[in-house]
Amino acid sequence: MKTTARLESALKKLYTAFHNNTLNPECCRQCAVGNILNNMDFWKHLSDSHGGLELNYVGKVHETLGRKFNGYSPSELLKIEHIFLDACGYKLPLHYKNEKPKSLTDKDILFNGLTAVITYLCELDEVDNVMAYTKLFEIENDTPKYALS
């Protein structure tokens, strides 16, 4: 399966964050985008609301200039974070009065967010979803594609 450099890098960073317990939806440095951007939080200045999809003035300037951050445009970064927070169960945009999951460290909740983000990243790069496990069960000519020995 072919992937792009930006996808490989993002997958590696997200996987590492998930397994090292450094994936935190409410921290701009440890959320999905924060991890993709090497635990930097400058990206939060691209929008006026965490989890929102609308670029603010700064975000629009970067987008218009064609700027990319680790391969992703400002609007793609906002979409990644939006998808992550939504799949984790947050009512968006992120605000202390809005609903959120009871446990920020629940691996099942974080896995849901991670899976949704990876699906989107694969779609962006027009790559088969690396999380699609159904291919393991495909059958060719009455022989399982991946037979156990």
N, C-alpha and C. Protein backbone atom coordinates (compact mmCIF):
# COMPACT_ATOMS: atom_id res chain seq x y z
N MET A 1 0.84 -1.16 0.00
CA MET A 1 0.00 0.00 0.00
C MET A 1 0.90 1.24 0.00
N LYS A 2 0.60 2.17 -0.88
CA LYS A 2 1.36 3.40 -0.95
C LYS A 2 0.73 4.46 -0.05
N THR A 3 1.60 5.21 0.60
CA THR A 3 1.14 6.33 1.42
C THR A 3 1.99 7.54 1.09
N THR A 4 1.60 8.67 1.62
CA THR A 4 2.37 9.89 1.42
C THR A 4 3.25 10.14 2.64
N ALA A 5 4.24 11.00 2.48
CA ALA A 5 5.14 11.31 3.59
C ALA A 5 4.38 11.96 4.74
N ARG A 6 3.45 12.87 4.41
CA ARG A 6 2.72 13.54 5.49
C ARG A 6 1.81 12.57 6.24
N LEU A 7 1.21 11.63 5.52
CA LEU A 7 0.36 10.63 6.17
C LEU A 7 1.19 9.72 7.06
N GLU A 8 2.31 9.24 6.55
CA GLU A 8 3.19 8.38 7.35
C GLU A 8 3.60 9.07 8.64
N SER A 9 4.01 10.33 8.52
CA SER A 9 4.45 11.10 9.68
C SER A 9 3.31 11.28 10.68
N ALA A 10 2.13 11.66 10.19
CA ALA A 10 0.98 11.88 11.07
C ALA A 10 0.58 10.58 11.77
N LEU A 11 0.54 9.48 11.04
CA LEU A 11 0.17 8.20 11.64
C LEU A 11 1.14 7.79 12.74
N LYS A 12 2.42 7.97 12.46
CA LYS A 12 3.44 7.61 13.45
C LYS A 12 3.28 8.44 14.72
N LYS A 13 3.07 9.73 14.57
CA LYS A 13 2.93 10.62 15.73
C LYS A 13 1.66 10.31 16.52
N LEU A 14 0.56 10.07 15.82
CA LEU A 14 -0.70 9.77 16.50
C LEU A 14 -0.63 8.42 17.21
N TYR A 15 -0.06 7.44 16.56
CA TYR A 15 0.10 6.10 17.14
C TYR A 15 0.95 6.19 18.42
N THR A 16 2.06 6.90 18.31
CA THR A 16 2.95 7.05 19.46
C THR A 16 2.24 7.76 20.61
N ALA A 17 1.54 8.83 20.31
CA ALA A 17 0.82 9.58 21.34
C ALA A 17 -0.23 8.70 22.02
N PHE A 18 -0.95 7.92 21.23
CA PHE A 18 -1.99 7.06 21.79
C PHE A 18 -1.37 6.05 22.76
N HIS A 19 -0.30 5.41 22.35
CA HIS A 19 0.31 4.36 23.17
C HIS A 19 1.15 4.90 24.33
N ASN A 20 1.59 6.14 24.23
CA ASN A 20 2.36 6.75 25.32
C ASN A 20 1.48 7.57 26.26
N ASN A 21 0.16 7.48 26.05
CA ASN A 21 -0.81 8.23 26.86
C ASN A 21 -0.57 9.74 26.83
N THR A 22 -0.18 10.23 25.67
CA THR A 22 0.03 11.67 25.49
C THR A 22 -0.94 12.24 24.46
N LEU A 23 -2.08 11.62 24.35
CA LEU A 23 -3.14 12.11 23.48
C LEU A 23 -4.23 12.67 24.39
N ASN A 24 -4.41 13.99 24.35
CA ASN A 24 -5.34 14.67 25.26
C ASN A 24 -6.19 15.64 24.44
N PRO A 25 -7.47 15.39 24.29
CA PRO A 25 -8.33 16.22 23.46
C PRO A 25 -8.42 17.69 23.88
N GLU A 26 -8.21 17.98 25.14
CA GLU A 26 -8.39 19.35 25.62
C GLU A 26 -7.10 20.16 25.68
N CYS A 27 -6.00 19.59 25.26
CA CYS A 27 -4.72 20.28 25.28
C CYS A 27 -4.28 20.53 23.84
N CYS A 28 -4.04 21.78 23.49
CA CYS A 28 -3.67 22.13 22.11
C CYS A 28 -2.34 21.53 21.67
N ARG A 29 -1.51 21.11 22.61
CA ARG A 29 -0.23 20.49 22.28
C ARG A 29 -0.32 18.96 22.21
N GLN A 30 -1.34 18.40 22.84
CA GLN A 30 -1.44 16.95 22.91
C GLN A 30 -2.68 16.39 22.23
N CYS A 31 -3.44 17.22 21.56
CA CYS A 31 -4.61 16.75 20.83
C CYS A 31 -4.13 16.15 19.50
N ALA A 32 -5.04 15.80 18.64
CA ALA A 32 -4.66 15.21 17.35
C ALA A 32 -3.75 16.14 16.57
N VAL A 33 -4.16 17.38 16.38
CA VAL A 33 -3.37 18.33 15.59
C VAL A 33 -2.08 18.70 16.33
N GLY A 34 -2.16 18.89 17.62
CA GLY A 34 -0.96 19.20 18.39
C GLY A 34 0.11 18.15 18.22
N ASN A 35 -0.28 16.88 18.24
CA ASN A 35 0.68 15.80 18.03
C ASN A 35 1.21 15.78 16.61
N ILE A 36 0.35 15.99 15.63
CA ILE A 36 0.79 16.02 14.23
C ILE A 36 1.81 17.15 14.02
N LEU A 37 1.64 18.25 14.76
CA LEU A 37 2.52 19.41 14.63
C LEU A 37 3.62 19.43 15.69
N ASN A 38 4.08 18.26 16.09
CA ASN A 38 5.22 18.12 17.01
C ASN A 38 4.99 18.79 18.36
N ASN A 39 3.79 18.65 18.87
CA ASN A 39 3.40 19.17 20.18
C ASN A 39 3.55 20.70 20.29
N MET A 40 3.29 21.36 19.18
CA MET A 40 3.28 22.82 19.15
C MET A 40 1.82 23.28 19.20
N ASP A 41 1.59 24.48 19.72
CA ASP A 41 0.22 24.96 19.82
C ASP A 41 -0.07 26.20 18.99
N PHE A 42 0.83 26.58 18.10
CA PHE A 42 0.61 27.76 17.26
C PHE A 42 -0.64 27.65 16.41
N TRP A 43 -1.04 26.45 16.10
CA TRP A 43 -2.18 26.22 15.22
C TRP A 43 -3.49 26.75 15.84
N LYS A 44 -3.53 26.88 17.16
CA LYS A 44 -4.76 27.35 17.81
C LYS A 44 -5.10 28.78 17.42
N HIS A 45 -4.15 29.51 16.85
CA HIS A 45 -4.39 30.89 16.43
C HIS A 45 -4.99 30.97 15.03
N LEU A 46 -5.27 29.83 14.41
CA LEU A 46 -5.86 29.79 13.07
C LEU A 46 -7.38 29.92 13.12
N SER A 47 -7.96 29.74 14.31
CA SER A 47 -9.40 29.80 14.50
C SER A 47 -9.69 30.46 15.84
N ASP A 48 -10.88 30.96 16.00
CA ASP A 48 -11.26 31.58 17.27
C ASP A 48 -11.86 30.59 18.26
N SER A 49 -12.10 29.36 17.82
CA SER A 49 -12.68 28.37 18.72
C SER A 49 -12.05 27.00 18.48
N HIS A 50 -11.69 26.33 19.58
CA HIS A 50 -11.10 24.99 19.52
C HIS A 50 -12.19 24.00 19.08
N GLY A 51 -11.95 23.40 17.95
CA GLY A 51 -12.93 22.47 17.39
C GLY A 51 -13.80 23.09 16.32
N GLY A 52 -13.68 24.40 16.14
CA GLY A 52 -14.44 25.08 15.09
C GLY A 52 -13.81 24.87 13.73
N LEU A 53 -14.60 25.04 12.68
CA LEU A 53 -14.11 24.83 11.31
C LEU A 53 -13.82 26.13 10.57
N GLU A 54 -14.17 27.25 11.18
CA GLU A 54 -14.01 28.53 10.49
C GLU A 54 -12.65 29.15 10.80
N LEU A 55 -11.91 29.44 9.74
CA LEU A 55 -10.62 30.11 9.89
C LEU A 55 -10.85 31.56 10.30
N ASN A 56 -10.04 32.06 11.20
CA ASN A 56 -10.10 33.49 11.53
C ASN A 56 -9.19 34.24 10.55
N TYR A 57 -8.94 35.51 10.82
CA TYR A 57 -8.13 36.32 9.91
C TYR A 57 -6.74 35.72 9.71
N VAL A 58 -6.09 35.33 10.80
CA VAL A 58 -4.75 34.75 10.72
C VAL A 58 -4.79 33.46 9.89
N GLY A 59 -5.77 32.62 10.16
CA GLY A 59 -5.91 31.37 9.41
C GLY A 59 -6.14 31.60 7.94
N LYS A 60 -6.98 32.59 7.62
CA LYS A 60 -7.27 32.90 6.21
C LYS A 60 -6.03 33.41 5.49
N VAL A 61 -5.22 34.20 6.18
CA VAL A 61 -3.99 34.69 5.57
C VAL A 61 -3.06 33.53 5.24
N HIS A 62 -2.86 32.64 6.19
CA HIS A 62 -2.00 31.47 5.95
C HIS A 62 -2.55 30.59 4.83
N GLU A 63 -3.86 30.40 4.82
CA GLU A 63 -4.51 29.58 3.79
C GLU A 63 -4.33 30.22 2.42
N THR A 64 -4.55 31.54 2.33
CA THR A 64 -4.43 32.27 1.06
C THR A 64 -2.99 32.22 0.54
N LEU A 65 -2.03 32.28 1.45
CA LEU A 65 -0.62 32.22 1.05
C LEU A 65 -0.17 30.80 0.70
N GLY A 66 -1.05 29.84 0.91
CA GLY A 66 -0.73 28.45 0.58
C GLY A 66 0.18 27.78 1.59
N ARG A 67 0.19 28.29 2.79
CA ARG A 67 1.07 27.72 3.83
C ARG A 67 0.60 26.33 4.22
N LYS A 68 1.57 25.49 4.48
CA LYS A 68 1.31 24.13 4.95
C LYS A 68 2.11 23.92 6.23
N PHE A 69 1.53 23.21 7.16
CA PHE A 69 2.19 22.90 8.41
C PHE A 69 2.29 21.38 8.51
N ASN A 70 3.49 20.87 8.43
CA ASN A 70 3.74 19.42 8.33
C ASN A 70 2.89 18.81 7.22
N GLY A 71 2.72 19.57 6.15
CA GLY A 71 2.01 19.08 4.97
C GLY A 71 0.53 19.41 4.92
N TYR A 72 -0.03 19.97 5.98
CA TYR A 72 -1.47 20.23 6.04
C TYR A 72 -1.78 21.72 6.03
N SER A 73 -2.80 22.09 5.28
CA SER A 73 -3.25 23.48 5.21
C SER A 73 -3.99 23.83 6.51
N PRO A 74 -4.14 25.12 6.79
CA PRO A 74 -4.89 25.51 7.99
C PRO A 74 -6.30 24.92 8.04
N SER A 75 -7.01 24.92 6.93
CA SER A 75 -8.37 24.38 6.95
C SER A 75 -8.37 22.86 7.18
N GLU A 76 -7.37 22.16 6.66
CA GLU A 76 -7.27 20.72 6.91
C GLU A 76 -6.98 20.45 8.39
N LEU A 77 -6.14 21.27 9.00
CA LEU A 77 -5.85 21.10 10.42
C LEU A 77 -7.09 21.29 11.28
N LEU A 78 -7.87 22.32 10.96
CA LEU A 78 -9.11 22.55 11.72
C LEU A 78 -10.08 21.38 11.56
N LYS A 79 -10.16 20.85 10.37
CA LYS A 79 -11.06 19.71 10.11
C LYS A 79 -10.59 18.47 10.88
N ILE A 80 -9.27 18.25 10.90
CA ILE A 80 -8.72 17.11 11.65
C ILE A 80 -9.11 17.22 13.12
N GLU A 81 -8.92 18.39 13.70
CA GLU A 81 -9.23 18.56 15.12
C GLU A 81 -10.73 18.45 15.37
N HIS A 82 -11.53 18.99 14.48
CA HIS A 82 -12.99 18.91 14.60
C HIS A 82 -13.43 17.45 14.61
N ILE A 83 -12.91 16.69 13.68
CA ILE A 83 -13.27 15.26 13.58
C ILE A 83 -12.85 14.52 14.85
N PHE A 84 -11.65 14.81 15.32
CA PHE A 84 -11.14 14.15 16.52
C PHE A 84 -12.03 14.43 17.74
N LEU A 85 -12.30 15.69 17.98
CA LEU A 85 -13.12 16.05 19.14
C LEU A 85 -14.54 15.51 19.04
N ASP A 86 -15.11 15.59 17.85
CA ASP A 86 -16.47 15.08 17.63
C ASP A 86 -16.53 13.58 17.91
N ALA A 87 -15.56 12.84 17.38
CA ALA A 87 -15.55 11.38 17.57
C ALA A 87 -15.27 11.00 19.02
N CYS A 88 -14.62 11.88 19.76
CA CYS A 88 -14.38 11.63 21.19
C CYS A 88 -15.60 11.96 22.04
N GLY A 89 -16.63 12.56 21.44
CA GLY A 89 -17.86 12.81 22.15
C GLY A 89 -18.05 14.23 22.66
N TYR A 90 -17.27 15.16 22.15
CA TYR A 90 -17.42 16.56 22.56
C TYR A 90 -18.50 17.25 21.75
N LYS A 91 -19.24 18.14 22.40
CA LYS A 91 -20.13 19.05 21.69
C LYS A 91 -19.26 20.24 21.30
N LEU A 92 -19.26 20.57 20.03
CA LEU A 92 -18.33 21.58 19.51
C LEU A 92 -19.00 22.91 19.25
N PRO A 93 -18.25 24.00 19.33
CA PRO A 93 -16.82 24.06 19.64
C PRO A 93 -16.57 23.76 21.12
N LEU A 94 -15.32 23.45 21.41
CA LEU A 94 -14.93 23.12 22.77
C LEU A 94 -15.16 24.32 23.68
N HIS A 95 -15.93 24.11 24.73
CA HIS A 95 -16.26 25.18 25.67
C HIS A 95 -16.60 24.50 26.99
N TYR A 96 -16.24 25.13 28.09
CA TYR A 96 -16.45 24.49 29.39
C TYR A 96 -17.92 24.20 29.68
N LYS A 97 -18.84 24.90 29.05
CA LYS A 97 -20.28 24.67 29.28
C LYS A 97 -20.83 23.54 28.40
N ASN A 98 -20.13 23.19 27.34
CA ASN A 98 -20.61 22.16 26.41
C ASN A 98 -20.31 20.76 26.93
N GLU A 99 -21.09 19.80 26.45
CA GLU A 99 -20.91 18.41 26.85
C GLU A 99 -19.55 17.90 26.43
N LYS A 100 -19.01 17.00 27.27
CA LYS A 100 -17.74 16.37 26.96
C LYS A 100 -17.72 14.99 27.60
N PRO A 101 -16.81 14.13 27.19
CA PRO A 101 -16.74 12.80 27.78
C PRO A 101 -16.38 12.88 29.27
N LYS A 102 -16.81 11.89 30.01
CA LYS A 102 -16.55 11.89 31.46
C LYS A 102 -15.07 11.68 31.76
N SER A 103 -14.40 10.88 30.96
CA SER A 103 -12.98 10.59 31.20
C SER A 103 -12.15 10.96 29.97
N LEU A 104 -11.23 11.89 30.17
CA LEU A 104 -10.37 12.31 29.06
C LEU A 104 -9.34 11.25 28.69
N THR A 105 -9.10 10.31 29.59
CA THR A 105 -8.06 9.31 29.35
C THR A 105 -8.62 7.94 28.96
N ASP A 106 -9.93 7.84 28.79
CA ASP A 106 -10.55 6.57 28.40
C ASP A 106 -10.03 6.14 27.04
N LYS A 107 -9.36 5.01 27.00
CA LYS A 107 -8.74 4.53 25.75
C LYS A 107 -9.77 4.28 24.65
N ASP A 108 -10.96 3.84 25.01
CA ASP A 108 -11.99 3.60 24.00
C ASP A 108 -12.41 4.91 23.34
N ILE A 109 -12.58 5.94 24.14
CA ILE A 109 -12.95 7.25 23.60
C ILE A 109 -11.84 7.79 22.71
N LEU A 110 -10.61 7.73 23.19
CA LEU A 110 -9.47 8.21 22.39
C LEU A 110 -9.30 7.39 21.12
N PHE A 111 -9.56 6.08 21.20
CA PHE A 111 -9.46 5.23 20.01
C PHE A 111 -10.50 5.62 18.97
N ASN A 112 -11.71 5.96 19.42
CA ASN A 112 -12.74 6.42 18.49
C ASN A 112 -12.28 7.68 17.76
N GLY A 113 -11.71 8.62 18.51
CA GLY A 113 -11.20 9.84 17.90
C GLY A 113 -10.06 9.57 16.95
N LEU A 114 -9.15 8.72 17.37
CA LEU A 114 -8.00 8.35 16.54
C LEU A 114 -8.44 7.68 15.24
N THR A 115 -9.37 6.77 15.33
CA THR A 115 -9.87 6.06 14.15
C THR A 115 -10.52 7.02 13.17
N ALA A 116 -11.32 7.94 13.67
CA ALA A 116 -11.98 8.92 12.80
C ALA A 116 -10.96 9.82 12.10
N VAL A 117 -9.95 10.25 12.83
CA VAL A 117 -8.91 11.11 12.25
C VAL A 117 -8.12 10.35 11.19
N ILE A 118 -7.75 9.13 11.48
CA ILE A 118 -6.98 8.33 10.51
C ILE A 118 -7.79 8.09 9.25
N THR A 119 -9.07 7.84 9.39
CA THR A 119 -9.95 7.68 8.23
C THR A 119 -9.92 8.94 7.38
N TYR A 120 -10.04 10.11 8.01
CA TYR A 120 -10.01 11.38 7.28
C TYR A 120 -8.64 11.63 6.63
N LEU A 121 -7.56 11.36 7.35
CA LEU A 121 -6.23 11.56 6.78
C LEU A 121 -6.01 10.69 5.55
N CYS A 122 -6.50 9.48 5.60
CA CYS A 122 -6.39 8.58 4.44
C CYS A 122 -7.21 9.11 3.27
N GLU A 123 -8.41 9.62 3.55
CA GLU A 123 -9.24 10.20 2.50
C GLU A 123 -8.56 11.41 1.86
N LEU A 124 -7.94 12.25 2.68
CA LEU A 124 -7.24 13.43 2.17
C LEU A 124 -6.17 13.06 1.15
N ASP A 125 -5.44 11.99 1.45
CA ASP A 125 -4.34 11.58 0.59
C ASP A 125 -4.74 10.50 -0.41
N GLU A 126 -6.03 10.22 -0.47
CA GLU A 126 -6.57 9.22 -1.40
C GLU A 126 -5.86 7.87 -1.27
N VAL A 127 -5.74 7.45 -0.02
CA VAL A 127 -5.10 6.18 0.33
C VAL A 127 -6.16 5.30 0.98
N ASP A 128 -6.09 3.99 0.73
CA ASP A 128 -7.01 3.08 1.41
C ASP A 128 -6.87 3.26 2.92
N ASN A 129 -7.99 3.20 3.60
CA ASN A 129 -7.99 3.39 5.04
C ASN A 129 -7.15 2.31 5.72
N VAL A 130 -6.10 2.72 6.38
CA VAL A 130 -5.21 1.77 7.04
C VAL A 130 -5.87 1.11 8.25
N MET A 131 -6.98 1.66 8.71
CA MET A 131 -7.69 1.09 9.85
C MET A 131 -8.80 0.12 9.40
N ALA A 132 -8.99 -0.04 8.11
CA ALA A 132 -10.06 -0.91 7.61
C ALA A 132 -9.65 -2.37 7.75
N TYR A 133 -10.15 -3.00 8.78
CA TYR A 133 -9.82 -4.38 9.06
C TYR A 133 -10.61 -5.38 8.22
N THR A 134 -11.63 -4.92 7.48
CA THR A 134 -12.47 -5.84 6.72
C THR A 134 -11.69 -6.55 5.62
N LYS A 135 -10.60 -5.95 5.16
CA LYS A 135 -9.79 -6.59 4.13
C LYS A 135 -9.18 -7.90 4.62
N LEU A 136 -9.02 -8.02 5.93
CA LEU A 136 -8.49 -9.26 6.49
C LEU A 136 -9.42 -10.44 6.24
N PHE A 137 -10.69 -10.15 6.00
CA PHE A 137 -11.67 -11.21 5.84
C PHE A 137 -12.12 -11.43 4.40
N GLU A 138 -11.49 -10.72 3.45
CA GLU A 138 -11.86 -10.89 2.04
C GLU A 138 -11.45 -12.28 1.57
N ILE A 139 -12.29 -12.83 0.71
CA ILE A 139 -12.02 -14.17 0.19
C ILE A 139 -11.83 -14.08 -1.32
N GLU A 140 -10.70 -14.65 -1.79
CA GLU A 140 -10.44 -14.74 -3.23
C GLU A 140 -10.49 -16.21 -3.63
N ASN A 141 -11.32 -16.55 -4.58
CA ASN A 141 -11.42 -17.92 -5.09
C ASN A 141 -11.56 -18.94 -3.97
N ASP A 142 -12.47 -18.71 -3.06
CA ASP A 142 -12.74 -19.60 -1.94
C ASP A 142 -11.58 -19.79 -0.99
N THR A 143 -10.55 -18.97 -1.10
CA THR A 143 -9.41 -19.05 -0.18
C THR A 143 -9.30 -17.72 0.55
N PRO A 144 -9.26 -17.73 1.85
CA PRO A 144 -9.10 -16.47 2.57
C PRO A 144 -7.84 -15.74 2.10
N LYS A 145 -7.96 -14.45 1.95
CA LYS A 145 -6.83 -13.65 1.48
C LYS A 145 -5.67 -13.75 2.46
N TYR A 146 -5.98 -13.76 3.74
CA TYR A 146 -4.97 -13.87 4.78
C TYR A 146 -5.27 -15.12 5.59
N ALA A 147 -4.74 -16.21 5.17
CA ALA A 147 -5.00 -17.48 5.83
C ALA A 147 -4.02 -17.67 6.98
N LEU A 148 -4.52 -18.22 8.06
CA LEU A 148 -3.65 -18.53 9.20
C LEU A 148 -2.99 -19.86 8.95
N SER A 149 -1.72 -19.94 9.26
CA SER A 149 -0.97 -21.20 9.05
C SER A 149 -0.95 -22.02 10.31
